[in-house]
Protein backbone atom coordinates (compact mmCIF):
# COMPACT_ATOMS: atom_id res chain seq x y z
CA MET A 1 0.00 0.00 0.00
CA LEU A 2 1.33 3.45 -0.91
CA ALA A 3 1.75 6.08 1.79
CA ALA A 4 -0.67 9.01 1.77
CA ASN A 5 2.10 11.39 0.65
CA SER A 6 3.30 9.15 -2.21
CA PRO A 7 3.56 10.78 -5.63
CA PRO A 8 0.71 9.99 -8.03
CA MET A 9 1.29 7.00 -10.28
CA PRO A 10 -0.39 5.76 -13.47
CA ARG A 11 -3.38 3.45 -13.00
CA LEU A 12 -4.62 0.57 -15.09
CA GLU A 13 -5.94 1.85 -18.45
CA ASP A 14 -4.01 5.15 -18.21
CA VAL A 15 -1.90 6.09 -21.24
CA VAL A 16 1.88 6.20 -20.70
CA VAL A 17 4.59 7.69 -22.93
CA SER A 18 7.88 6.00 -22.09
CA LYS A 19 11.36 6.54 -23.50
CA CYS A 20 12.86 3.35 -24.85
CA PRO A 21 16.09 2.84 -22.87
CA ALA A 22 18.34 1.74 -25.74
CA ASN A 23 17.56 4.58 -28.16
CA THR A 24 15.71 7.87 -28.62
CA THR A 25 12.30 6.48 -29.53
CA TYR A 26 9.19 6.75 -27.35
CA GLU A 27 6.48 4.15 -26.83
CA VAL A 28 2.85 5.11 -26.24
CA GLY A 29 0.78 2.46 -24.57
CA VAL A 30 -2.24 1.85 -22.41
CA LEU A 31 -1.26 0.14 -19.16
CA GLY A 32 -2.08 -3.52 -19.59
CA ALA A 33 -1.86 -3.46 -23.43
CA ALA A 34 0.80 -3.30 -26.17
CA GLY A 35 2.12 0.07 -27.29
CA VAL A 36 3.18 1.91 -30.46
CA VAL A 37 6.67 3.35 -30.97
CA TYR A 38 7.20 6.96 -32.17
CA CYS A 39 10.38 8.61 -33.41
CA ASN A 40 10.15 11.62 -31.11
CA ARG A 41 8.61 12.74 -27.84
CA ASP A 42 6.35 15.42 -29.36
CA SER A 43 4.58 12.91 -31.61
CA ALA A 44 4.27 10.41 -28.76
CA VAL A 45 2.84 13.01 -26.36
CA ALA A 46 0.32 14.20 -28.97
CA GLU A 47 -0.86 10.62 -29.52
CA ALA A 48 -1.04 9.96 -25.77
CA ASP A 49 -3.14 13.10 -25.34
CA GLN A 50 -5.64 11.91 -27.95
CA LEU A 51 -5.81 8.37 -26.52
CA ALA A 52 -6.29 9.62 -22.97
CA LYS A 53 -8.96 12.11 -24.02
CA GLY A 54 -10.87 9.46 -25.97
CA ASN A 55 -10.73 6.98 -23.09
CA HIS A 56 -11.35 9.53 -20.29
CA VAL A 57 -8.15 8.57 -18.47
CA ASP A 58 -4.86 10.28 -17.61
CA ALA A 59 -1.74 10.55 -19.77
CA TRP A 60 1.72 10.18 -18.24
CA LEU A 61 5.34 10.66 -19.34
CA THR A 62 8.38 8.78 -18.04
CA GLU A 63 11.97 9.05 -19.21
CA ASP A 64 13.37 6.48 -16.77
CA HIS A 65 10.47 4.09 -15.99
CA VAL A 66 10.71 5.14 -12.31
CA HIS A 67 9.45 8.73 -12.20
CA PHE A 68 6.13 9.64 -13.83
CA LEU A 69 4.76 13.05 -14.78
CA ARG A 70 1.01 13.40 -15.43
CA ILE A 71 0.81 15.41 -18.67
CA LYS A 72 -2.99 15.38 -19.14
CA SER A 73 -5.93 14.43 -16.97
CA TYR A 74 -9.24 13.45 -18.52
CA ARG A 75 -10.36 11.09 -15.73
CA ALA A 76 -13.62 12.13 -14.10
CA ASN A 77 -13.11 13.46 -10.59
CA GLU A 78 -13.31 10.65 -8.12
CA PRO A 79 -13.74 10.94 -4.36
CA GLN A 80 -10.46 10.67 -2.48
CA SER A 81 -10.16 7.58 -0.31
CA ARG A 82 -9.07 8.13 3.26
């Protein structure tokens, strides 16, 4: 279980743009499904934005597969659990 002050993390069905470690390409994928590789970050982020918007989920970016930055949020507001 994550601590209350943990940074936000992608959830199942969120869209994630991740830098491929061996080169300069970026993969866009929905958590739990296969992804598509793009030649540059701008194209990957634009595609992630459209996917997240269409699926009403959040879009995230990671360069190191450890730290995640939410780049768009289309998820309906949900009550915070306590």
